[in-house]
Amino acid sequence: MDQVFKALADPGRRKLLDRLHAACGLTLGQLCEQMDMSRQAVAQHLALLEHANLVSTTWRGREKLHFLNPVPIHEIYDRWVKKFERRGLRALDRLEKQPEAEACDSRGGALT
């Protein structure tokens, strides 16, 4: 999981993942389009994403196609995000707003 967080920490790698989410099976050349980095830099980022299991590849003739693998992101969601589902977040939001409303009432007007 540390490798996944490390891979997701870089905005360039997140952009590559967004591109793969939008269109499956892209070649290195296609991924280099619209990226503000060299082909070699894109290849290095892809290697790190593959190492973190966020990208899988397959060969079609001489072309290497890259695909998003959402499983590691789903595992992060299950472990770190799911426990804060909407019901819990709504309760936290109400708790946060309650003191604000009480402060507003005690001053007889809007918060400044």
PDB file of N, CA and C in Angstrom:
ATOM      1  N   MET A   1       0.827  -1.193   0.000  1.00  0.00           N
ATOM      2  CA  MET A   1       0.000   0.000   0.000  1.00  0.00           C
ATOM      3  C   MET A   1       0.875   1.262   0.000  1.00  0.00           C
ATOM      4  N   ASP A   2       2.054   1.195   0.597  1.00  0.00           N
ATOM      5  CA  ASP A   2       2.963   2.342   0.581  1.00  0.00           C
ATOM      6  C   ASP A   2       3.337   2.727  -0.844  1.00  0.00           C
ATOM      7  N   GLN A   3       3.532   1.726  -1.701  1.00  0.00           N
ATOM      8  CA  GLN A   3       3.879   1.999  -3.095  1.00  0.00           C
ATOM      9  C   GLN A   3       2.742   2.714  -3.816  1.00  0.00           C
ATOM     10  N   VAL A   4       1.514   2.363  -3.474  1.00  0.00           N
ATOM     11  CA  VAL A   4       0.352   3.008  -4.100  1.00  0.00           C
ATOM     12  C   VAL A   4       0.288   4.473  -3.674  1.00  0.00           C
ATOM     13  N   PHE A   5       0.460   4.745  -2.379  1.00  0.00           N
ATOM     14  CA  PHE A   5       0.444   6.129  -1.912  1.00  0.00           C
ATOM     15  C   PHE A   5       1.581   6.930  -2.543  1.00  0.00           C
ATOM     16  N   LYS A   6       2.757   6.327  -2.648  1.00  0.00           N
ATOM     17  CA  LYS A   6       3.894   7.001  -3.272  1.00  0.00           C
ATOM     18  C   LYS A   6       3.577   7.317  -4.735  1.00  0.00           C
ATOM     19  N   ALA A   7       2.986   6.363  -5.429  1.00  0.00           N
ATOM     20  CA  ALA A   7       2.640   6.571  -6.837  1.00  0.00           C
ATOM     21  C   ALA A   7       1.591   7.668  -6.997  1.00  0.00           C
ATOM     22  N   LEU A   8       0.624   7.712  -6.098  1.00  0.00           N
ATOM     23  CA  LEU A   8      -0.454   8.702  -6.193  1.00  0.00           C
ATOM     24  C   LEU A   8      -0.021  10.091  -5.740  1.00  0.00           C
ATOM     25  N   ALA A   9       1.129  10.189  -5.089  1.00  0.00           N
ATOM     26  CA  ALA A   9       1.585  11.472  -4.551  1.00  0.00           C
ATOM     27  C   ALA A   9       2.002  12.454  -5.639  1.00  0.00           C
ATOM     28  N   ASP A  10       2.346  11.973  -6.810  1.00  0.00           N
ATOM     29  CA  ASP A  10       2.842  12.842  -7.872  1.00  0.00           C
ATOM     30  C   ASP A  10       1.710  13.269  -8.808  1.00  0.00           C
ATOM     31  N   PRO A  11       1.563  14.575  -9.062  1.00  0.00           N
ATOM     32  CA  PRO A  11       0.478  15.035  -9.941  1.00  0.00           C
ATOM     33  C   PRO A  11       0.611  14.527 -11.374  1.00  0.00           C
ATOM     34  N   GLY A  12       1.819  14.339 -11.860  1.00  0.00           N
ATOM     35  CA  GLY A  12       2.005  13.808 -13.212  1.00  0.00           C
ATOM     36  C   GLY A  12       1.505  12.378 -13.328  1.00  0.00           C
ATOM     37  N   ARG A  13       1.769  11.572 -12.304  1.00  0.00           N
ATOM     38  CA  ARG A  13       1.278  10.195 -12.322  1.00  0.00           C
ATOM     39  C   ARG A  13      -0.239  10.154 -12.185  1.00  0.00           C
ATOM     40  N   ARG A  14      -0.800  11.059 -11.383  1.00  0.00           N
ATOM     41  CA  ARG A  14      -2.267  11.110 -11.274  1.00  0.00           C
ATOM     42  C   ARG A  14      -2.881  11.495 -12.613  1.00  0.00           C
ATOM     43  N   LYS A  15      -2.214  12.389 -13.352  1.00  0.00           N
ATOM     44  CA  LYS A  15      -2.717  12.778 -14.675  1.00  0.00           C
ATOM     45  C   LYS A  15      -2.678  11.582 -15.626  1.00  0.00           C
ATOM     46  N   LEU A  16      -1.604  10.788 -15.552  1.00  0.00           N
ATOM     47  CA  LEU A  16      -1.537   9.583 -16.382  1.00  0.00           C
ATOM     48  C   LEU A  16      -2.671   8.619 -16.035  1.00  0.00           C
ATOM     49  N   LEU A  17      -2.947   8.455 -14.758  1.00  0.00           N
ATOM     50  CA  LEU A  17      -4.048   7.581 -14.348  1.00  0.00           C
ATOM     51  C   LEU A  17      -5.391   8.122 -14.832  1.00  0.00           C
ATOM     52  N   ASP A  18      -5.556   9.442 -14.788  1.00  0.00           N
ATOM     53  CA  ASP A  18      -6.787  10.050 -15.315  1.00  0.00           C
ATOM     54  C   ASP A  18      -6.929   9.778 -16.804  1.00  0.00           C
ATOM     55  N   ARG A  19      -5.830   9.875 -17.534  1.00  0.00           N
ATOM     56  CA  ARG A  19      -5.862   9.601 -18.977  1.00  0.00           C
ATOM     57  C   ARG A  19      -6.245   8.145 -19.234  1.00  0.00           C
ATOM     58  N   LEU A  20      -5.691   7.230 -18.427  1.00  0.00           N
ATOM     59  CA  LEU A  20      -6.017   5.815 -18.609  1.00  0.00           C
ATOM     60  C   LEU A  20      -7.452   5.508 -18.181  1.00  0.00           C
ATOM     61  N   HIS A  21      -7.963   6.268 -17.254  1.00  0.00           N
ATOM     62  CA  HIS A  21      -9.368   6.095 -16.864  1.00  0.00           C
ATOM     63  C   HIS A  21     -10.284   6.540 -17.993  1.00  0.00           C
ATOM     64  N   ALA A  22      -9.912   7.614 -18.666  1.00  0.00           N
ATOM     65  CA  ALA A  22     -10.733   8.158 -19.748  1.00  0.00           C
ATOM     66  C   ALA A  22     -10.686   7.278 -20.998  1.00  0.00           C
ATOM     67  N   ALA A  23      -9.546   6.668 -21.268  1.00  0.00           N
ATOM     68  CA  ALA A  23      -9.389   5.853 -22.473  1.00  0.00           C
ATOM     69  C   ALA A  23      -8.479   4.668 -22.152  1.00  0.00           C
ATOM     70  N   CYS A  24      -9.004   3.486 -22.256  1.00  0.00           N
ATOM     71  CA  CYS A  24      -8.231   2.286 -21.932  1.00  0.00           C
ATOM     72  C   CYS A  24      -7.300   1.902 -23.074  1.00  0.00           C
ATOM     73  N   GLY A  25      -6.226   1.248 -22.718  1.00  0.00           N
ATOM     74  CA  GLY A  25      -5.351   0.662 -23.718  1.00  0.00           C
ATOM     75  C   GLY A  25      -4.552   1.652 -24.523  1.00  0.00           C
ATOM     76  N   LEU A  26      -3.908   2.615 -23.853  1.00  0.00           N
ATOM     77  CA  LEU A  26      -3.124   3.619 -24.564  1.00  0.00           C
ATOM     78  C   LEU A  26      -1.657   3.207 -24.649  1.00  0.00           C
ATOM     79  N   THR A  27      -1.028   3.578 -25.748  1.00  0.00           N
ATOM     80  CA  THR A  27       0.399   3.335 -25.914  1.00  0.00           C
ATOM     81  C   THR A  27       1.185   4.444 -25.222  1.00  0.00           C
ATOM     82  N   LEU A  28       2.484   4.247 -25.098  1.00  0.00           N
ATOM     83  CA  LEU A  28       3.344   5.274 -24.515  1.00  0.00           C
ATOM     84  C   LEU A  28       3.238   6.570 -25.309  1.00  0.00           C
ATOM     85  N   GLY A  29       3.255   6.465 -26.620  1.00  0.00           N
ATOM     86  CA  GLY A  29       3.133   7.658 -27.465  1.00  0.00           C
ATOM     87  C   GLY A  29       1.842   8.415 -27.223  1.00  0.00           C
ATOM     88  N   GLN A  30       0.741   7.684 -27.103  1.00  0.00           N
ATOM     89  CA  GLN A  30      -0.544   8.331 -26.836  1.00  0.00           C
ATOM     90  C   GLN A  30      -0.563   8.973 -25.461  1.00  0.00           C
ATOM     91  N   LEU A  31       0.067   8.325 -24.495  1.00  0.00           N
ATOM     92  CA  LEU A  31       0.112   8.891 -23.146  1.00  0.00           C
ATOM     93  C   LEU A  31       0.998  10.134 -23.088  1.00  0.00           C
ATOM     94  N   CYS A  32       1.994  10.200 -23.949  1.00  0.00           N
ATOM     95  CA  CYS A  32       2.888  11.364 -23.965  1.00  0.00           C
ATOM     96  C   CYS A  32       2.185  12.617 -24.472  1.00  0.00           C
ATOM     97  N   GLU A  33       1.158  12.425 -25.303  1.00  0.00           N
ATOM     98  CA  GLU A  33       0.398  13.572 -25.802  1.00  0.00           C
ATOM     99  C   GLU A  33      -0.251  14.276 -24.610  1.00  0.00           C
ATOM    100  N   GLN A  34      -0.270  15.560 -24.618  1.00  0.00           N
ATOM    101  CA  GLN A  34      -0.869  16.403 -23.576  1.00  0.00           C
ATOM    102  C   GLN A  34      -0.140  16.324 -22.238  1.00  0.00           C
ATOM    103  N   MET A  35       1.061  15.767 -22.230  1.00  0.00           N
ATOM    104  CA  MET A  35       1.852  15.733 -20.998  1.00  0.00           C
ATOM    105  C   MET A  35       2.997  16.728 -21.140  1.00  0.00           C
ATOM    106  N   ASP A  36       3.267  17.463 -20.099  1.00  0.00           N
ATOM    107  CA  ASP A  36       4.347  18.447 -20.114  1.00  0.00           C
ATOM    108  C   ASP A  36       5.645  17.830 -19.614  1.00  0.00           C
ATOM    109  N   MET A  37       6.013  16.678 -20.201  1.00  0.00           N
ATOM    110  CA  MET A  37       7.255  16.015 -19.811  1.00  0.00           C
ATOM    111  C   MET A  37       7.745  15.182 -20.988  1.00  0.00           C
ATOM    112  N   SER A  38       8.980  14.791 -20.904  1.00  0.00           N
ATOM    113  CA  SER A  38       9.586  14.018 -21.993  1.00  0.00           C
ATOM    114  C   SER A  38       9.020  12.601 -22.019  1.00  0.00           C
ATOM    115  N   ARG A  39       9.248  11.941 -23.149  1.00  0.00           N
ATOM    116  CA  ARG A  39       8.824  10.551 -23.310  1.00  0.00           C
ATOM    117  C   ARG A  39       9.486   9.676 -22.241  1.00  0.00           C
ATOM    118  N   GLN A  40      10.754   9.935 -21.964  1.00  0.00           N
ATOM    119  CA  GLN A  40      11.483   9.160 -20.962  1.00  0.00           C
ATOM    120  C   GLN A  40      10.869   9.356 -19.567  1.00  0.00           C
ATOM    121  N   ALA A  41      10.485  10.582 -19.246  1.00  0.00           N
ATOM    122  CA  ALA A  41       9.864  10.850 -17.945  1.00  0.00           C
ATOM    123  C   ALA A  41       8.523  10.126 -17.830  1.00  0.00           C
ATOM    124  N   VAL A  42       7.734  10.139 -18.904  1.00  0.00           N
ATOM    125  CA  VAL A  42       6.446   9.429 -18.893  1.00  0.00           C
ATOM    126  C   VAL A  42       6.694   7.936 -18.693  1.00  0.00           C
ATOM    127  N   ALA A  43       7.687   7.390 -19.380  1.00  0.00           N
ATOM    128  CA  ALA A  43       8.008   5.970 -19.240  1.00  0.00           C
ATOM    129  C   ALA A  43       8.418   5.638 -17.801  1.00  0.00           C
ATOM    130  N   GLN A  44       9.176   6.510 -17.175  1.00  0.00           N
ATOM    131  CA  GLN A  44       9.587   6.282 -15.788  1.00  0.00           C
ATOM    132  C   GLN A  44       8.386   6.319 -14.841  1.00  0.00           C
ATOM    133  N   HIS A  45       7.490   7.280 -15.065  1.00  0.00           N
ATOM    134  CA  HIS A  45       6.273   7.342 -14.246  1.00  0.00           C
ATOM    135  C   HIS A  45       5.423   6.085 -14.436  1.00  0.00           C
ATOM    136  N   LEU A  46       5.304   5.632 -15.687  1.00  0.00           N
ATOM    137  CA  LEU A  46       4.527   4.420 -15.953  1.00  0.00           C
ATOM    138  C   LEU A  46       5.150   3.205 -15.266  1.00  0.00           C
ATOM    139  N   ALA A  47       6.469   3.137 -15.249  1.00  0.00           N
ATOM    140  CA  ALA A  47       7.140   2.019 -14.574  1.00  0.00           C
ATOM    141  C   ALA A  47       6.816   2.016 -13.083  1.00  0.00           C
ATOM    142  N   LEU A  48       6.793   3.190 -12.470  1.00  0.00           N
ATOM    143  CA  LEU A  48       6.451   3.270 -11.052  1.00  0.00           C
ATOM    144  C   LEU A  48       4.990   2.888 -10.820  1.00  0.00           C
ATOM    145  N   LEU A  49       4.108   3.323 -11.722  1.00  0.00           N
ATOM    146  CA  LEU A  49       2.692   2.962 -11.611  1.00  0.00           C
ATOM    147  C   LEU A  49       2.494   1.455 -11.792  1.00  0.00           C
ATOM    148  N   GLU A  50       3.254   0.862 -12.705  1.00  0.00           N
ATOM    149  CA  GLU A  50       3.186  -0.598 -12.889  1.00  0.00           C
ATOM    150  C   GLU A  50       3.687  -1.308 -11.638  1.00  0.00           C
ATOM    151  N   HIS A  51       4.778  -0.811 -11.065  1.00  0.00           N
ATOM    152  CA  HIS A  51       5.346  -1.416  -9.858  1.00  0.00           C
ATOM    153  C   HIS A  51       4.347  -1.360  -8.697  1.00  0.00           C
ATOM    154  N   ALA A  52       3.552  -0.293  -8.640  1.00  0.00           N
ATOM    155  CA  ALA A  52       2.527  -0.148  -7.599  1.00  0.00           C
ATOM    156  C   ALA A  52       1.242  -0.891  -7.962  1.00  0.00           C
ATOM    157  N   ASN A  53       1.240  -1.563  -9.107  1.00  0.00           N
ATOM    158  CA  ASN A  53       0.099  -2.339  -9.596  1.00  0.00           C
ATOM    159  C   ASN A  53      -1.107  -1.458  -9.940  1.00  0.00           C
ATOM    160  N   LEU A  54      -0.864  -0.189 -10.214  1.00  0.00           N
ATOM    161  CA  LEU A  54      -1.944   0.711 -10.625  1.00  0.00           C
ATOM    162  C   LEU A  54      -2.155   0.691 -12.134  1.00  0.00           C
ATOM    163  N   VAL A  55      -1.169   0.191 -12.858  1.00  0.00           N
ATOM    164  CA  VAL A  55      -1.246   0.095 -14.315  1.00  0.00           C
ATOM    165  C   VAL A  55      -0.850  -1.319 -14.713  1.00  0.00           C
ATOM    166  N   SER A  56      -1.641  -1.901 -15.588  1.00  0.00           N
ATOM    167  CA  SER A  56      -1.280  -3.197 -16.157  1.00  0.00           C
ATOM    168  C   SER A  56      -1.040  -2.999 -17.649  1.00  0.00           C
ATOM    169  N   THR A  57      -0.289  -3.911 -18.236  1.00  0.00           N
ATOM    170  CA  THR A  57       0.061  -3.771 -19.646  1.00  0.00           C
ATOM    171  C   THR A  57      -0.186  -5.075 -20.385  1.00  0.00           C
ATOM    172  N   THR A  58      -0.352  -4.934 -21.668  1.00  0.00           N
ATOM    173  CA  THR A  58      -0.455  -6.080 -22.561  1.00  0.00           C
ATOM    174  C   THR A  58       0.141  -5.678 -23.905  1.00  0.00           C
ATOM    175  N   TRP A  59       0.619  -6.658 -24.614  1.00  0.00           N
ATOM    176  CA  TRP A  59       1.223  -6.388 -25.912  1.00  0.00           C
ATOM    177  C   TRP A  59       0.227  -6.729 -27.011  1.00  0.00           C
ATOM    178  N   ARG A  60       0.116  -5.835 -27.989  1.00  0.00           N
ATOM    179  CA  ARG A  60      -0.674  -6.075 -29.201  1.00  0.00           C
ATOM    180  C   ARG A  60       0.290  -5.869 -30.365  1.00  0.00           C
ATOM    181  N   GLY A  61       0.829  -6.950 -30.816  1.00  0.00           N
ATOM    182  CA  GLY A  61       1.869  -6.854 -31.834  1.00  0.00           C
ATOM    183  C   GLY A  61       3.098  -6.202 -31.237  1.00  0.00           C
ATOM    184  N   ARG A  62       3.532  -5.093 -31.820  1.00  0.00           N
ATOM    185  CA  ARG A  62       4.698  -4.375 -31.307  1.00  0.00           C
ATOM    186  C   ARG A  62       4.315  -3.258 -30.342  1.00  0.00           C
ATOM    187  N   GLU A  63       3.020  -3.072 -30.122  1.00  0.00           N
ATOM    188  CA  GLU A  63       2.561  -1.998 -29.244  1.00  0.00           C
ATOM    189  C   GLU A  63       2.315  -2.519 -27.828  1.00  0.00           C
ATOM    190  N   LYS A  64       2.789  -1.767 -26.854  1.00  0.00           N
ATOM    191  CA  LYS A  64       2.526  -2.072 -25.449  1.00  0.00           C
ATOM    192  C   LYS A  64       1.373  -1.173 -25.002  1.00  0.00           C
ATOM    193  N   LEU A  65       0.276  -1.786 -24.639  1.00  0.00           N
ATOM    194  CA  LEU A  65      -0.912  -1.037 -24.227  1.00  0.00           C
ATOM    195  C   LEU A  65      -0.976  -0.979 -22.708  1.00  0.00           C
ATOM    196  N   HIS A  66      -1.356   0.183 -22.190  1.00  0.00           N
ATOM    197  CA  HIS A  66      -1.426   0.420 -20.743  1.00  0.00           C
ATOM    198  C   HIS A  66      -2.886   0.560 -20.322  1.00  0.00           C
ATOM    199  N   PHE A  67      -3.211  -0.071 -19.199  1.00  0.00           N
ATOM    200  CA  PHE A  67      -4.576  -0.048 -18.675  1.00  0.00           C
ATOM    201  C   PHE A  67      -4.546   0.323 -17.200  1.00  0.00           C
ATOM    202  N   LEU A  68      -5.551   1.052 -16.770  1.00  0.00           N
ATOM    203  CA  LEU A  68      -5.707   1.381 -15.351  1.00  0.00           C
ATOM    204  C   LEU A  68      -6.156   0.132 -14.603  1.00  0.00           C
ATOM    205  N   ASN A  69      -5.519  -0.144 -13.475  1.00  0.00           N
ATOM    206  CA  ASN A  69      -5.944  -1.216 -12.581  1.00  0.00           C
ATOM    207  C   ASN A  69      -6.521  -0.547 -11.329  1.00  0.00           C
ATOM    208  N   PRO A  70      -7.839  -0.512 -11.184  1.00  0.00           N
ATOM    209  CA  PRO A  70      -8.452   0.204 -10.055  1.00  0.00           C
ATOM    210  C   PRO A  70      -8.420  -0.545  -8.728  1.00  0.00           C
ATOM    211  N   VAL A  71      -7.979  -1.791  -8.707  1.00  0.00           N
ATOM    212  CA  VAL A  71      -8.032  -2.606  -7.486  1.00  0.00           C
ATOM    213  C   VAL A  71      -7.269  -1.962  -6.322  1.00  0.00           C
ATOM    214  N   PRO A  72      -6.010  -1.506  -6.492  1.00  0.00           N
ATOM    215  CA  PRO A  72      -5.318  -0.900  -5.346  1.00  0.00           C
ATOM    216  C   PRO A  72      -6.023   0.353  -4.810  1.00  0.00           C
ATOM    217  N   ILE A  73      -6.627   1.134  -5.695  1.00  0.00           N
ATOM    218  CA  ILE A  73      -7.357   2.326  -5.252  1.00  0.00           C
ATOM    219  C   ILE A  73      -8.601   1.906  -4.471  1.00  0.00           C
ATOM    220  N   HIS A  74      -9.253   0.847  -4.922  1.00  0.00           N
ATOM    221  CA  HIS A  74     -10.420   0.339  -4.204  1.00  0.00           C
ATOM    222  C   HIS A  74     -10.018  -0.178  -2.815  1.00  0.00           C
ATOM    223  N   GLU A  75      -8.854  -0.809  -2.725  1.00  0.00           N
ATOM    224  CA  GLU A  75      -8.377  -1.287  -1.427  1.00  0.00           C
ATOM    225  C   GLU A  75      -8.112  -0.126  -0.476  1.00  0.00           C
ATOM    226  N   ILE A  76      -7.581   0.976  -1.004  1.00  0.00           N
ATOM    227  CA  ILE A  76      -7.384   2.180  -0.189  1.00  0.00           C
ATOM    228  C   ILE A  76      -8.733   2.711   0.276  1.00  0.00           C
ATOM    229  N   TYR A  77      -9.691   2.728  -0.625  1.00  0.00           N
ATOM    230  CA  TYR A  77     -11.033   3.184  -0.272  1.00  0.00           C
ATOM    231  C   TYR A  77     -11.594   2.316   0.855  1.00  0.00           C
ATOM    232  N   ASP A  78     -11.498   1.001   0.707  1.00  0.00           N
ATOM    233  CA  ASP A  78     -12.036   0.102   1.730  1.00  0.00           C
ATOM    234  C   ASP A  78     -11.378   0.325   3.082  1.00  0.00           C
ATOM    235  N   ARG A  79     -10.073   0.543   3.084  1.00  0.00           N
ATOM    236  CA  ARG A  79      -9.367   0.654   4.363  1.00  0.00           C
ATOM    237  C   ARG A  79      -9.436   2.058   4.962  1.00  0.00           C
ATOM    238  N   TRP A  80      -9.348   3.096   4.146  1.00  0.00           N
ATOM    239  CA  TRP A  80      -9.170   4.447   4.677  1.00  0.00           C
ATOM    240  C   TRP A  80     -10.377   5.370   4.492  1.00  0.00           C
ATOM    241  N   VAL A  81     -11.226   5.127   3.520  1.00  0.00           N
ATOM    242  CA  VAL A  81     -12.297   6.079   3.224  1.00  0.00           C
ATOM    243  C   VAL A  81     -13.664   5.540   3.621  1.00  0.00           C
ATOM    244  N   LYS A  82     -13.887   4.278   3.390  1.00  0.00           N
ATOM    245  CA  LYS A  82     -15.210   3.691   3.582  1.00  0.00           C
ATOM    246  C   LYS A  82     -15.748   3.883   4.993  1.00  0.00           C
ATOM    247  N   LYS A  83     -14.847   3.870   5.971  1.00  0.00           N
ATOM    248  CA  LYS A  83     -15.315   4.016   7.356  1.00  0.00           C
ATOM    249  C   LYS A  83     -15.910   5.390   7.639  1.00  0.00           C
ATOM    250  N   PHE A  84     -15.679   6.338   6.748  1.00  0.00           N
ATOM    251  CA  PHE A  84     -16.248   7.680   6.899  1.00  0.00           C
ATOM    252  C   PHE A  84     -17.330   7.902   5.851  1.00  0.00           C
ATOM    253  N   GLU A  85     -18.275   6.993   5.794  1.00  0.00           N
ATOM    254  CA  GLU A  85     -19.321   7.098   4.782  1.00  0.00           C
ATOM    255  C   GLU A  85     -20.235   8.281   5.073  1.00  0.00           C
ATOM    256  N   ARG A  86     -21.143   8.520   4.172  1.00  0.00           N
ATOM    257  CA  ARG A  86     -22.012   9.702   4.223  1.00  0.00           C
ATOM    258  C   ARG A  86     -22.708   9.899   5.562  1.00  0.00           C
ATOM    259  N   ARG A  87     -23.240   8.838   6.138  1.00  0.00           N
ATOM    260  CA  ARG A  87     -23.979   8.976   7.397  1.00  0.00           C
ATOM    261  C   ARG A  87     -23.074   9.564   8.474  1.00  0.00           C
ATOM    262  N   GLY A  88     -21.879   9.038   8.571  1.00  0.00           N
ATOM    263  CA  GLY A  88     -20.934   9.539   9.559  1.00  0.00           C
ATOM    264  C   GLY A  88     -20.493  10.961   9.260  1.00  0.00           C
ATOM    265  N   LEU A  89     -20.299  11.265   7.982  1.00  0.00           N
ATOM    266  CA  LEU A  89     -19.890  12.615   7.604  1.00  0.00           C
ATOM    267  C   LEU A  89     -21.005  13.624   7.857  1.00  0.00           C
ATOM    268  N   ARG A  90     -22.238  13.216   7.636  1.00  0.00           N
ATOM    269  CA  ARG A  90     -23.361  14.125   7.924  1.00  0.00           C
ATOM    270  C   ARG A  90     -23.440  14.427   9.409  1.00  0.00           C
ATOM    271  N   ALA A  91     -23.226  13.410  10.241  1.00  0.00           N
ATOM    272  CA  ALA A  91     -23.247  13.623  11.692  1.00  0.00           C
ATOM    273  C   ALA A  91     -22.132  14.580  12.108  1.00  0.00           C
ATOM    274  N   LEU A  92     -20.945  14.399  11.532  1.00  0.00           N
ATOM    275  CA  LEU A  92     -19.836  15.310  11.837  1.00  0.00           C
ATOM    276  C   LEU A  92     -20.156  16.731  11.380  1.00  0.00           C
ATOM    277  N   ASP A  93     -20.784  16.856  10.230  1.00  0.00           N
ATOM    278  CA  ASP A  93     -21.149  18.174   9.717  1.00  0.00           C
ATOM    279  C   ASP A  93     -22.148  18.854  10.647  1.00  0.00           C
ATOM    280  N   ARG A  94     -23.126  18.097  11.149  1.00  0.00           N
ATOM    281  CA  ARG A  94     -24.101  18.672  12.085  1.00  0.00           C
ATOM    282  C   ARG A  94     -23.427  19.119  13.373  1.00  0.00           C
ATOM    283  N   LEU A  95     -22.498  18.301  13.869  1.00  0.00           N
ATOM    284  CA  LEU A  95     -21.778  18.672  15.090  1.00  0.00           C
ATOM    285  C   LEU A  95     -20.965  19.942  14.886  1.00  0.00           C
ATOM    286  N   GLU A  96     -20.374  20.076  13.711  1.00  0.00           N
ATOM    287  CA  GLU A  96     -19.569  21.268  13.428  1.00  0.00           C
ATOM    288  C   GLU A  96     -20.447  22.508  13.335  1.00  0.00           C
ATOM    289  N   LYS A  97     -21.618  22.374  12.738  1.00  0.00           N
ATOM    290  CA  LYS A  97     -22.496  23.531  12.549  1.00  0.00           C
ATOM    291  C   LYS A  97     -23.237  23.917  13.822  1.00  0.00           C
ATOM    292  N   GLN A  98     -23.449  22.980  14.721  1.00  0.00           N
ATOM    293  CA  GLN A  98     -24.192  23.268  15.948  1.00  0.00           C
ATOM    294  C   GLN A  98     -23.516  24.365  16.777  1.00  0.00           C
ATOM    295  N   PRO A  99     -22.226  24.299  17.081  1.00  0.00           N
ATOM    296  CA  PRO A  99     -21.602  25.387  17.840  1.00  0.00           C
ATOM    297  C   PRO A  99     -21.646  26.720  17.090  1.00  0.00           C
ATOM    298  N   GLU A 100     -21.564  26.670  15.757  1.00  0.00           N
ATOM    299  CA  GLU A 100     -21.655  27.902  14.980  1.00  0.00           C
ATOM    300  C   GLU A 100     -23.029  28.534  15.141  1.00  0.00           C
ATOM    301  N   ALA A 101     -24.069  27.704  15.109  1.00  0.00           N
ATOM    302  CA  ALA A 101     -25.432  28.224  15.261  1.00  0.00           C
ATOM    303  C   ALA A 101     -25.644  28.775  16.666  1.00  0.00           C
ATOM    304  N   GLU A 102     -25.098  28.085  17.676  1.00  0.00           N
ATOM    305  CA  GLU A 102     -25.231  28.561  19.051  1.00  0.00           C
ATOM    306  C   GLU A 102     -24.501  29.882  19.245  1.00  0.00           C
ATOM    307  N   ALA A 103     -23.329  30.042  18.631  1.00  0.00           N
ATOM    308  CA  ALA A 103     -22.600  31.296  18.727  1.00  0.00           C
ATOM    309  C   ALA A 103     -23.355  32.422  18.051  1.00  0.00           C
ATOM    310  N   CYS A 104     -24.004  32.098  16.955  1.00  0.00           N
ATOM    311  CA  CYS A 104     -24.795  33.089  16.231  1.00  0.00           C
ATOM    312  C   CYS A 104     -25.986  33.536  17.072  1.00  0.00           C
ATOM    313  N   ASP A 105     -26.661  32.586  17.708  1.00  0.00           N
ATOM    314  CA  ASP A 105     -27.816  32.906  18.541  1.00  0.00           C
ATOM    315  C   ASP A 105     -27.427  33.723  19.757  1.00  0.00           C
ATOM    316  N   SER A 106     -26.280  33.435  20.354  1.00  0.00           N
ATOM    317  CA  SER A 106     -25.861  34.142  21.557  1.00  0.00           C
ATOM    318  C   SER A 106     -25.489  35.586  21.259  1.00  0.00           C
ATOM    319  N   ARG A 107     -25.095  35.873  20.024  1.00  0.00           N
ATOM    320  CA  ARG A 107     -24.752  37.249  19.645  1.00  0.00           C
ATOM    321  C   ARG A 107     -25.937  38.001  19.045  1.00  0.00           C
ATOM    322  N   GLY A 108     -26.977  37.233  18.771  1.00  0.00           N
ATOM    323  CA  GLY A 108     -28.176  37.868  18.234  1.00  0.00           C
ATOM    324  C   GLY A 108     -28.043  38.254  16.768  1.00  0.00           C
ATOM    325  N   GLY A 109     -27.199  37.579  16.045  1.00  0.00           N
ATOM    326  CA  GLY A 109     -27.043  37.903  14.636  1.00  0.00           C
ATOM    327  C   GLY A 109     -26.123  36.935  13.961  1.00  0.00           C
ATOM    328  N   ALA A 110     -25.713  37.294  12.788  1.00  0.00           N
ATOM    329  CA  ALA A 110     -24.843  36.423  11.989  1.00  0.00           C
ATOM    330  C   ALA A 110     -23.438  36.470  12.517  1.00  0.00           C
ATOM    331  N   LEU A 111     -22.709  35.410  12.233  1.00  0.00           N
ATOM    332  CA  LEU A 111     -21.290  35.352  12.599  1.00  0.00           C
ATOM    333  C   LEU A 111     -20.514  36.347  11.765  1.00  0.00           C
ATOM    334  N   THR A 112     -19.518  36.942  12.377  1.00  0.00           N
ATOM    335  CA  THR A 112     -18.690  37.890  11.632  1.00  0.00           C
ATOM    336  C   THR A 112     -17.303  37.371  11.519  1.00  0.00           C
TER     337      THR A 112
END
